[in-house]
N, C-alpha and C. Protein backbone atom coordinates (compact mmCIF):
# COMPACT_ATOMS: atom_id res chain seq x y z
N MET A 1 45.91 226.75 -10.98
CA MET A 1 45.60 225.98 -12.16
C MET A 1 44.17 226.30 -12.56
N THR A 2 43.98 226.50 -13.84
CA THR A 2 42.63 226.83 -14.32
C THR A 2 42.10 225.67 -15.13
N TYR A 3 40.85 225.50 -15.07
CA TYR A 3 40.18 224.44 -15.81
C TYR A 3 39.45 225.06 -17.00
N PRO A 4 39.36 224.35 -18.08
CA PRO A 4 38.62 224.92 -19.23
C PRO A 4 37.14 225.01 -18.91
N PRO A 5 36.45 225.94 -19.51
CA PRO A 5 35.01 226.07 -19.23
C PRO A 5 34.26 224.83 -19.70
N PRO A 6 33.23 224.46 -18.97
CA PRO A 6 32.46 223.28 -19.36
C PRO A 6 31.73 223.52 -20.68
N SER A 7 31.40 222.40 -21.33
CA SER A 7 30.62 222.55 -22.58
C SER A 7 29.24 223.06 -22.22
N GLY A 8 28.77 223.99 -22.83
CA GLY A 8 27.49 224.61 -22.51
C GLY A 8 27.70 226.09 -22.28
N GLY A 9 28.95 226.53 -22.28
CA GLY A 9 29.25 227.95 -22.23
C GLY A 9 28.96 228.59 -20.89
N TRP A 10 29.78 228.35 -19.94
CA TRP A 10 29.62 229.01 -18.64
C TRP A 10 30.01 230.46 -18.79
N HIS A 11 29.30 231.30 -18.11
CA HIS A 11 29.62 232.72 -18.15
C HIS A 11 29.37 233.32 -16.79
N ASP A 12 30.03 234.43 -16.53
CA ASP A 12 29.90 235.12 -15.25
C ASP A 12 28.60 235.88 -15.25
N PRO A 13 27.67 235.60 -14.33
CA PRO A 13 26.38 236.29 -14.34
C PRO A 13 26.52 237.77 -14.01
N SER A 14 27.51 238.14 -13.22
CA SER A 14 27.64 239.56 -12.88
C SER A 14 28.19 240.34 -14.06
N ALA A 15 29.03 239.73 -14.91
CA ALA A 15 29.57 240.45 -16.06
C ALA A 15 28.53 240.57 -17.15
N ALA A 16 27.63 239.63 -17.27
CA ALA A 16 26.60 239.68 -18.31
C ALA A 16 25.57 240.75 -18.02
N ALA A 17 25.37 241.05 -16.79
CA ALA A 17 24.35 242.03 -16.43
C ALA A 17 24.80 243.44 -16.74
N GLY A 18 26.09 243.66 -16.78
CA GLY A 18 26.56 245.00 -17.10
C GLY A 18 26.87 245.78 -15.86
N PRO A 19 27.42 247.03 -16.02
CA PRO A 19 27.82 247.81 -14.87
C PRO A 19 26.67 248.35 -14.05
N GLN A 20 25.49 248.51 -14.61
CA GLN A 20 24.38 249.06 -13.84
C GLN A 20 23.51 247.96 -13.25
N SER A 21 24.01 246.79 -13.13
CA SER A 21 23.17 245.70 -12.65
C SER A 21 23.10 245.70 -11.13
N SER A 22 22.23 244.88 -10.67
CA SER A 22 22.07 244.73 -9.23
C SER A 22 23.25 243.96 -8.67
N PRO A 23 23.39 243.93 -7.38
CA PRO A 23 24.51 243.21 -6.79
C PRO A 23 24.49 241.74 -7.23
N PRO A 24 25.63 241.07 -7.17
CA PRO A 24 25.67 239.67 -7.63
C PRO A 24 24.71 238.80 -6.83
N ALA A 25 24.29 237.76 -7.46
CA ALA A 25 23.31 236.85 -6.85
C ALA A 25 23.96 236.08 -5.71
N ASP A 26 23.10 235.59 -4.86
CA ASP A 26 23.57 234.80 -3.72
C ASP A 26 24.18 233.50 -4.24
N PRO A 27 25.46 233.20 -3.91
CA PRO A 27 26.08 232.00 -4.47
C PRO A 27 25.49 230.71 -3.92
N THR A 28 24.74 230.77 -2.84
CA THR A 28 24.16 229.55 -2.30
C THR A 28 22.89 229.15 -3.03
N LEU A 29 22.30 230.06 -3.83
CA LEU A 29 21.09 229.73 -4.57
C LEU A 29 21.46 229.04 -5.88
N PRO A 30 20.62 228.13 -6.37
CA PRO A 30 20.92 227.48 -7.63
C PRO A 30 20.88 228.47 -8.78
N MET A 31 21.73 228.23 -9.77
CA MET A 31 21.79 229.12 -10.92
C MET A 31 20.76 228.70 -11.94
N ALA A 32 20.32 229.64 -12.71
CA ALA A 32 19.37 229.34 -13.77
C ALA A 32 20.15 228.86 -14.98
N GLY A 33 19.56 228.07 -15.78
CA GLY A 33 20.22 227.58 -16.98
C GLY A 33 20.51 226.11 -16.89
N ASN A 34 21.31 225.64 -17.83
CA ASN A 34 21.64 224.22 -17.89
C ASN A 34 22.58 223.85 -16.73
N PRO A 35 22.33 222.74 -16.08
CA PRO A 35 23.24 222.34 -15.01
C PRO A 35 24.57 221.86 -15.59
N ILE A 36 25.62 222.00 -14.82
CA ILE A 36 26.94 221.58 -15.24
C ILE A 36 26.99 220.06 -15.07
N PRO A 37 27.42 219.35 -16.09
CA PRO A 37 27.46 217.90 -15.93
C PRO A 37 28.56 217.52 -14.95
N ALA A 38 28.27 216.58 -14.10
CA ALA A 38 29.22 216.13 -13.07
C ALA A 38 30.13 215.06 -13.65
N GLN A 39 31.37 215.09 -13.24
CA GLN A 39 32.31 214.07 -13.68
C GLN A 39 32.08 212.81 -12.83
N PRO A 40 32.28 211.66 -13.42
CA PRO A 40 32.12 210.45 -12.62
C PRO A 40 33.25 210.38 -11.58
N THR A 41 32.91 210.09 -10.37
CA THR A 41 33.88 210.03 -9.28
C THR A 41 33.78 208.69 -8.57
N SER A 42 34.84 208.37 -7.87
CA SER A 42 34.82 207.16 -7.06
C SER A 42 34.18 207.49 -5.72
N ALA A 43 34.24 206.55 -4.81
CA ALA A 43 33.65 206.77 -3.49
C ALA A 43 34.35 207.92 -2.80
N ASP A 44 33.65 208.55 -1.91
CA ASP A 44 34.20 209.69 -1.18
C ASP A 44 35.38 209.22 -0.33
N PRO A 45 36.59 209.75 -0.56
CA PRO A 45 37.74 209.28 0.23
C PRO A 45 37.68 209.71 1.68
N TYR A 46 36.85 210.68 1.98
CA TYR A 46 36.75 211.16 3.36
C TYR A 46 35.55 210.59 4.10
N ALA A 47 34.82 209.71 3.45
CA ALA A 47 33.66 209.10 4.10
C ALA A 47 34.16 208.09 5.13
N PRO A 48 33.46 207.94 6.24
CA PRO A 48 33.92 206.97 7.25
C PRO A 48 33.81 205.55 6.69
N ALA A 49 34.86 204.78 6.94
CA ALA A 49 34.89 203.39 6.46
C ALA A 49 34.10 202.49 7.38
N ASP A 50 33.60 201.43 6.81
CA ASP A 50 32.87 200.45 7.60
C ASP A 50 33.90 199.62 8.38
N PRO A 51 33.94 199.71 9.73
CA PRO A 51 34.98 198.99 10.46
C PRO A 51 34.81 197.48 10.41
N TYR A 52 33.64 196.99 10.01
CA TYR A 52 33.40 195.56 9.99
C TYR A 52 33.43 195.00 8.57
N ALA A 53 33.92 195.78 7.61
CA ALA A 53 33.92 195.32 6.22
C ALA A 53 34.79 194.08 6.04
N GLY A 54 35.96 194.04 6.64
CA GLY A 54 36.85 192.89 6.49
C GLY A 54 36.33 191.66 7.20
N MET A 55 35.57 191.87 8.26
CA MET A 55 35.06 190.73 9.01
C MET A 55 33.92 190.05 8.26
N LYS A 56 33.22 190.79 7.42
CA LYS A 56 32.10 190.21 6.70
C LYS A 56 32.59 189.24 5.64
N SER A 57 33.73 189.56 5.01
CA SER A 57 34.21 188.70 3.94
C SER A 57 35.08 187.56 4.46
N GLY A 58 35.53 187.62 5.72
CA GLY A 58 36.39 186.59 6.26
C GLY A 58 37.86 186.84 5.98
N ASP A 59 38.19 187.88 5.22
CA ASP A 59 39.58 188.21 4.91
C ASP A 59 40.02 189.36 5.82
N PRO A 60 40.95 189.14 6.76
CA PRO A 60 41.32 190.22 7.68
C PRO A 60 42.05 191.35 6.99
N TYR A 61 42.62 191.09 5.81
CA TYR A 61 43.36 192.15 5.13
C TYR A 61 42.43 193.07 4.35
N ALA A 62 41.21 192.62 4.09
CA ALA A 62 40.26 193.48 3.39
C ALA A 62 39.86 194.65 4.26
N ALA A 63 39.86 194.48 5.59
CA ALA A 63 39.51 195.59 6.49
C ALA A 63 40.54 196.69 6.41
N ALA A 64 41.78 196.35 6.09
CA ALA A 64 42.82 197.35 6.00
C ALA A 64 42.88 197.97 4.61
N GLY A 65 42.02 197.54 3.70
CA GLY A 65 41.99 198.11 2.38
C GLY A 65 42.88 197.40 1.39
N TYR A 66 43.43 196.25 1.74
CA TYR A 66 44.28 195.50 0.82
C TYR A 66 43.41 194.61 -0.04
N PRO A 67 43.84 194.34 -1.25
CA PRO A 67 43.03 193.43 -2.07
C PRO A 67 43.07 192.03 -1.48
N PRO A 68 42.01 191.27 -1.71
CA PRO A 68 42.00 189.92 -1.14
C PRO A 68 43.10 189.07 -1.74
N GLY A 69 43.73 188.30 -0.88
CA GLY A 69 44.77 187.40 -1.34
C GLY A 69 46.13 188.06 -1.52
N ALA A 70 46.26 189.32 -1.18
CA ALA A 70 47.54 190.00 -1.35
C ALA A 70 48.58 189.48 -0.37
N TYR A 71 48.13 189.03 0.78
CA TYR A 71 49.04 188.50 1.79
C TYR A 71 48.52 187.13 2.20
N PRO A 72 49.42 186.28 2.67
CA PRO A 72 48.95 184.95 3.06
C PRO A 72 47.98 185.02 4.23
N GLN A 73 47.06 184.11 4.20
CA GLN A 73 46.06 184.06 5.26
C GLN A 73 46.70 183.55 6.54
N PRO A 74 46.13 183.86 7.71
CA PRO A 74 46.69 183.36 8.96
C PRO A 74 46.69 181.84 8.96
N GLY A 75 47.77 181.28 9.44
CA GLY A 75 47.91 179.84 9.49
C GLY A 75 48.64 179.29 8.28
N ALA A 76 48.92 180.14 7.27
CA ALA A 76 49.63 179.66 6.09
C ALA A 76 51.08 179.34 6.42
N TYR A 77 51.66 180.09 7.35
CA TYR A 77 53.04 179.87 7.78
C TYR A 77 53.04 179.53 9.26
N PRO A 78 54.02 178.76 9.71
CA PRO A 78 54.09 178.49 11.16
C PRO A 78 54.44 179.78 11.90
N PRO A 79 54.05 179.87 13.16
CA PRO A 79 54.38 181.08 13.92
C PRO A 79 55.89 181.23 14.05
N PRO A 80 56.38 182.46 14.09
CA PRO A 80 57.83 182.64 14.18
C PRO A 80 58.37 182.15 15.52
N ALA A 81 59.61 181.72 15.47
CA ALA A 81 60.25 181.27 16.71
C ALA A 81 60.45 182.49 17.62
N GLY A 82 60.52 182.26 18.90
CA GLY A 82 60.66 183.35 19.85
C GLY A 82 61.99 184.06 19.69
N TYR A 83 61.98 185.30 20.00
CA TYR A 83 63.21 186.08 19.96
C TYR A 83 64.05 185.75 21.17
N PRO A 84 65.36 185.83 21.05
CA PRO A 84 66.20 185.58 22.23
C PRO A 84 65.99 186.67 23.27
N GLY A 85 66.16 186.33 24.51
CA GLY A 85 65.95 187.29 25.59
C GLY A 85 67.02 188.36 25.59
N TYR A 86 66.77 189.38 26.33
CA TYR A 86 67.72 190.48 26.45
C TYR A 86 68.78 190.13 27.49
N GLY A 87 69.90 190.80 27.42
CA GLY A 87 70.95 190.62 28.41
C GLY A 87 71.84 189.43 28.08
N TYR A 88 72.55 188.99 29.04
CA TYR A 88 73.48 187.90 28.85
C TYR A 88 72.77 186.56 28.98
N PRO A 89 73.23 185.57 28.25
CA PRO A 89 72.61 184.24 28.41
C PRO A 89 72.95 183.67 29.78
N SER A 90 72.04 182.89 30.30
CA SER A 90 72.27 182.32 31.62
C SER A 90 73.38 181.29 31.56
N GLY A 91 74.13 181.21 32.62
CA GLY A 91 75.24 180.27 32.68
C GLY A 91 74.76 178.89 33.05
N PRO A 92 75.68 178.00 33.31
CA PRO A 92 75.29 176.65 33.68
C PRO A 92 74.63 176.63 35.07
N LYS A 93 73.94 175.55 35.36
CA LYS A 93 73.26 175.39 36.65
C LYS A 93 74.29 175.41 37.77
N GLN A 94 73.96 176.11 38.84
CA GLN A 94 74.87 176.20 39.99
C GLN A 94 74.77 174.93 40.84
N ASN A 95 75.92 174.51 41.32
CA ASN A 95 75.97 173.35 42.20
C ASN A 95 75.53 173.79 43.59
N GLY A 96 74.49 173.17 44.10
CA GLY A 96 73.96 173.54 45.42
C GLY A 96 74.91 173.24 46.56
N LEU A 97 75.71 172.19 46.40
CA LEU A 97 76.67 171.83 47.44
C LEU A 97 77.76 172.89 47.58
N ALA A 98 78.11 173.54 46.45
CA ALA A 98 79.12 174.60 46.49
C ALA A 98 78.60 175.80 47.28
N ILE A 99 77.34 176.13 47.07
CA ILE A 99 76.74 177.25 47.82
C ILE A 99 76.66 176.89 49.30
N ALA A 100 76.28 175.65 49.59
CA ALA A 100 76.22 175.21 50.98
C ALA A 100 77.60 175.25 51.64
N ALA A 101 78.65 174.89 50.88
CA ALA A 101 80.01 174.92 51.43
C ALA A 101 80.39 176.33 51.83
N MET A 102 80.07 177.29 50.97
CA MET A 102 80.41 178.67 51.30
C MET A 102 79.63 179.17 52.51
N VAL A 103 78.34 178.86 52.56
CA VAL A 103 77.52 179.33 53.68
C VAL A 103 78.00 178.72 55.00
N VAL A 104 78.27 177.42 55.02
CA VAL A 104 78.71 176.76 56.25
C VAL A 104 80.07 177.29 56.68
N SER A 105 80.95 177.55 55.72
CA SER A 105 82.27 178.09 56.08
C SER A 105 82.16 179.50 56.66
N ILE A 106 81.27 180.31 56.13
CA ILE A 106 81.07 181.65 56.70
C ILE A 106 80.50 181.56 58.10
N ILE A 107 79.58 180.63 58.33
CA ILE A 107 79.04 180.44 59.68
C ILE A 107 80.16 179.99 60.62
N GLY A 108 81.06 179.15 60.13
CA GLY A 108 82.20 178.72 60.95
C GLY A 108 83.11 179.90 61.28
N ALA A 109 83.32 180.80 60.32
CA ALA A 109 84.15 181.98 60.58
C ALA A 109 83.48 182.89 61.59
N LEU A 110 82.16 183.02 61.52
CA LEU A 110 81.45 183.82 62.53
C LEU A 110 81.48 183.14 63.89
N GLY A 111 81.58 181.82 63.90
CA GLY A 111 81.64 181.07 65.16
C GLY A 111 82.94 181.29 65.91
N LEU A 112 83.93 181.88 65.26
CA LEU A 112 85.18 182.19 65.95
C LEU A 112 84.96 183.21 67.06
N CYS A 113 83.86 183.94 66.99
CA CYS A 113 83.58 184.93 68.03
C CYS A 113 83.26 184.28 69.37
N GLY A 114 82.84 183.04 69.37
CA GLY A 114 82.52 182.34 70.62
C GLY A 114 83.74 181.60 71.14
N TYR A 115 84.73 182.32 71.62
CA TYR A 115 85.99 181.78 72.15
C TYR A 115 86.76 181.00 71.09
N GLY A 116 86.41 181.17 69.83
CA GLY A 116 87.14 180.52 68.76
C GLY A 116 86.75 179.08 68.50
N LEU A 117 85.92 178.51 69.35
CA LEU A 117 85.60 177.10 69.21
C LEU A 117 84.56 176.85 68.11
N GLY A 118 83.79 177.86 67.75
CA GLY A 118 82.79 177.69 66.69
C GLY A 118 83.43 177.55 65.32
N GLY A 119 84.72 177.84 65.24
CA GLY A 119 85.42 177.73 63.97
C GLY A 119 85.56 176.32 63.47
N TYR A 120 85.33 175.35 64.32
CA TYR A 120 85.43 173.95 63.89
C TYR A 120 84.34 173.59 62.88
N ILE A 121 83.31 174.41 62.82
CA ILE A 121 82.27 174.19 61.80
C ILE A 121 82.87 174.41 60.41
N GLY A 122 83.96 175.17 60.35
CA GLY A 122 84.63 175.41 59.06
C GLY A 122 85.14 174.14 58.41
N VAL A 123 85.43 173.10 59.20
CA VAL A 123 85.87 171.83 58.63
C VAL A 123 84.78 171.26 57.73
N VAL A 124 83.54 171.35 58.19
CA VAL A 124 82.42 170.84 57.40
C VAL A 124 82.31 171.62 56.09
N GLY A 125 82.45 172.96 56.17
CA GLY A 125 82.40 173.78 54.96
C GLY A 125 83.52 173.46 53.99
N ALA A 126 84.72 173.23 54.51
CA ALA A 126 85.86 172.91 53.64
C ALA A 126 85.66 171.55 52.96
N ILE A 127 85.16 170.57 53.69
CA ILE A 127 84.93 169.25 53.10
C ILE A 127 83.83 169.32 52.04
N LEU A 128 82.76 170.06 52.35
CA LEU A 128 81.70 170.25 51.35
C LEU A 128 82.25 170.93 50.10
N GLY A 129 83.17 171.87 50.27
CA GLY A 129 83.77 172.54 49.12
C GLY A 129 84.56 171.59 48.25
N HIS A 130 85.33 170.69 48.86
CA HIS A 130 86.10 169.72 48.08
C HIS A 130 85.18 168.76 47.32
N VAL A 131 84.12 168.29 47.98
CA VAL A 131 83.18 167.38 47.33
C VAL A 131 82.46 168.09 46.18
N SER A 132 82.08 169.34 46.41
CA SER A 132 81.36 170.07 45.36
C SER A 132 82.25 170.36 44.16
N ARG A 133 83.55 170.62 44.37
CA ARG A 133 84.46 170.84 43.23
C ARG A 133 84.57 169.58 42.38
N LYS A 134 84.55 168.44 43.02
CA LYS A 134 84.61 167.18 42.26
C LYS A 134 83.33 167.02 41.44
N GLN A 135 82.16 167.33 42.04
CA GLN A 135 80.89 167.24 41.32
C GLN A 135 80.85 168.22 40.15
N ILE A 136 81.39 169.42 40.35
CA ILE A 136 81.38 170.43 39.29
C ILE A 136 82.20 169.95 38.10
N ARG A 137 83.34 169.36 38.35
CA ARG A 137 84.17 168.85 37.26
C ARG A 137 83.47 167.72 36.52
N GLU A 138 82.79 166.84 37.24
CA GLU A 138 82.13 165.69 36.62
C GLU A 138 80.87 166.09 35.85
N ARG A 139 80.08 166.99 36.39
CA ARG A 139 78.78 167.34 35.81
C ARG A 139 78.81 168.57 34.91
N GLY A 140 79.87 169.34 34.96
CA GLY A 140 79.93 170.55 34.16
C GLY A 140 79.04 171.67 34.68
N GLU A 141 78.80 171.67 35.98
CA GLU A 141 77.94 172.70 36.58
C GLU A 141 78.77 173.94 36.91
N GLY A 142 78.07 175.00 37.31
CA GLY A 142 78.73 176.21 37.77
C GLY A 142 78.85 176.21 39.28
N GLY A 143 79.60 177.16 39.80
CA GLY A 143 79.75 177.29 41.25
C GLY A 143 81.16 177.03 41.72
N GLU A 144 82.11 177.06 40.79
CA GLU A 144 83.51 176.82 41.16
C GLU A 144 83.98 177.86 42.17
N GLY A 145 83.56 179.10 42.01
CA GLY A 145 83.97 180.15 42.95
C GLY A 145 83.39 179.96 44.33
N PHE A 146 82.14 179.52 44.40
CA PHE A 146 81.53 179.25 45.70
C PHE A 146 82.28 178.13 46.42
N ALA A 147 82.59 177.08 45.67
CA ALA A 147 83.30 175.94 46.28
C ALA A 147 84.68 176.36 46.77
N THR A 148 85.39 177.14 45.96
CA THR A 148 86.73 177.60 46.36
C THR A 148 86.66 178.50 47.59
N ALA A 149 85.66 179.38 47.61
CA ALA A 149 85.50 180.25 48.79
C ALA A 149 85.18 179.42 50.03
N GLY A 150 84.35 178.40 49.88
CA GLY A 150 84.04 177.53 51.01
C GLY A 150 85.27 176.80 51.53
N ILE A 151 86.12 176.35 50.62
CA ILE A 151 87.34 175.64 51.03
C ILE A 151 88.29 176.59 51.77
N ILE A 152 88.53 177.76 51.20
CA ILE A 152 89.50 178.70 51.80
C ILE A 152 89.01 179.19 53.16
N VAL A 153 87.76 179.67 53.20
CA VAL A 153 87.24 180.22 54.46
C VAL A 153 87.11 179.11 55.50
N GLY A 154 86.72 177.91 55.07
CA GLY A 154 86.56 176.80 56.01
C GLY A 154 87.87 176.40 56.67
N TRP A 155 88.94 176.29 55.86
CA TRP A 155 90.23 175.90 56.44
C TRP A 155 90.84 177.02 57.29
N ILE A 156 90.62 178.27 56.90
CA ILE A 156 91.12 179.37 57.74
C ILE A 156 90.39 179.39 59.08
N ALA A 157 89.06 179.22 59.04
CA ALA A 157 88.30 179.19 60.29
C ALA A 157 88.72 178.01 61.17
N THR A 158 88.99 176.88 60.56
CA THR A 158 89.43 175.71 61.32
C THR A 158 90.81 175.94 61.95
N ALA A 159 91.72 176.53 61.18
CA ALA A 159 93.06 176.82 61.71
C ALA A 159 92.99 177.80 62.88
N LEU A 160 92.15 178.82 62.74
CA LEU A 160 92.00 179.78 63.85
C LEU A 160 91.34 179.12 65.05
N ALA A 161 90.42 178.19 64.82
CA ALA A 161 89.79 177.47 65.93
C ALA A 161 90.81 176.60 66.66
N VAL A 162 91.71 175.97 65.91
CA VAL A 162 92.76 175.15 66.53
C VAL A 162 93.68 176.04 67.36
N LEU A 163 94.07 177.19 66.81
CA LEU A 163 94.92 178.12 67.58
C LEU A 163 94.21 178.62 68.83
N ALA A 164 92.91 178.90 68.71
CA ALA A 164 92.15 179.36 69.87
C ALA A 164 92.07 178.26 70.93
N THR A 165 91.89 177.02 70.48
CA THR A 165 91.83 175.90 71.42
C THR A 165 93.17 175.73 72.15
N ILE A 166 94.27 175.84 71.42
CA ILE A 166 95.60 175.74 72.04
C ILE A 166 95.80 176.86 73.06
N ALA A 167 95.37 178.06 72.70
CA ALA A 167 95.52 179.19 73.63
C ALA A 167 94.68 178.98 74.88
N ILE A 168 93.47 178.48 74.72
CA ILE A 168 92.61 178.24 75.88
C ILE A 168 93.20 177.15 76.77
N VAL A 169 93.71 176.07 76.19
CA VAL A 169 94.31 174.99 76.97
C VAL A 169 95.54 175.50 77.72
N ILE A 170 96.38 176.28 77.05
CA ILE A 170 97.57 176.83 77.72
C ILE A 170 97.16 177.72 78.87
N PHE A 171 96.13 178.54 78.66
CA PHE A 171 95.69 179.42 79.74
C PHE A 171 95.15 178.61 80.92
N ILE A 172 94.41 177.56 80.66
CA ILE A 172 93.86 176.75 81.75
C ILE A 172 94.98 176.02 82.51
N VAL A 173 95.94 175.49 81.77
CA VAL A 173 97.07 174.81 82.44
C VAL A 173 97.86 175.82 83.26
N TRP A 174 98.12 176.99 82.73
CA TRP A 174 98.84 178.02 83.47
C TRP A 174 98.08 178.42 84.72
N ALA A 175 96.77 178.61 84.60
CA ALA A 175 95.98 179.02 85.76
C ALA A 175 95.93 177.92 86.82
N ALA A 176 95.95 176.66 86.42
CA ALA A 176 95.89 175.56 87.38
C ALA A 176 97.23 175.38 88.10
N ASN A 177 98.32 175.65 87.45
CA ASN A 177 99.63 175.46 88.05
C ASN A 177 100.14 176.71 88.77
N HIS A 178 99.48 177.78 88.62
CA HIS A 178 99.95 179.01 89.25
C HIS A 178 99.61 178.99 90.73
N ASP A 179 100.55 179.48 91.56
CA ASP A 179 100.35 179.53 93.02
C ASP A 179 99.38 180.65 93.33
N THR A 180 98.27 180.32 93.93
CA THR A 180 97.26 181.32 94.26
C THR A 180 97.58 182.04 95.56
N SER A 181 98.56 181.57 96.35
CA SER A 181 98.85 182.19 97.63
C SER A 181 99.47 183.57 97.46
N SER A 182 100.10 183.82 96.35
CA SER A 182 100.70 185.14 96.16
C SER A 182 99.66 186.20 95.90
N PHE A 183 98.44 185.79 95.56
CA PHE A 183 97.39 186.76 95.31
C PHE A 183 96.61 187.08 96.58
N ASP A 184 96.80 186.30 97.63
CA ASP A 184 96.06 186.53 98.88
C ASP A 184 96.73 187.63 99.66
N SER A 185 96.06 188.71 99.88
CA SER A 185 96.66 189.84 100.58
C SER A 185 96.37 189.81 102.09
N THR A 186 95.53 188.91 102.55
CA THR A 186 95.19 188.88 103.97
C THR A 186 96.23 188.18 104.81
N THR A 187 97.05 187.39 104.24
CA THR A 187 98.07 186.71 105.06
C THR A 187 99.32 187.55 105.16
N ASP A 188 99.89 187.57 106.32
CA ASP A 188 101.13 188.32 106.56
C ASP A 188 102.26 187.43 106.85
């Protein structure tokens, strides 16, 4: 794009001198003649901005270059409500008795390893499970699965403990009534 020559008649100094002239003048030196009038310009867009300009006026948007009053001032609107959390919403509160029923029933099942008599602890777990299911229905709490697991494991452990007790009693009665003389090899 070409611009029209300024008023005052700009001319090429090397062309005016002719073909036998000296080399062109140094472009960094000022030219002789009338100065070219400068066009009015706004502030330099590449000049560094004053980082504290908005703070001086009290308008935080003035620092960003926005006209004053273009946006509402802080405090004009109430703060936004919080965003919902990520993931699934939390369920109802868990019933602590249901968790206790499951834990006690599992301990009763592990107690079966001690000759089966530790399984009687499962009765406590099963009863806790029944009580906790009633509380869950009344209060609308969570933990139905824990309570059900406590009931099932507790009654199974109790049933196995009863069977183990019957087996132990039968073995003791059999051993007491058995004739020990047939095991003695020293008598002839």
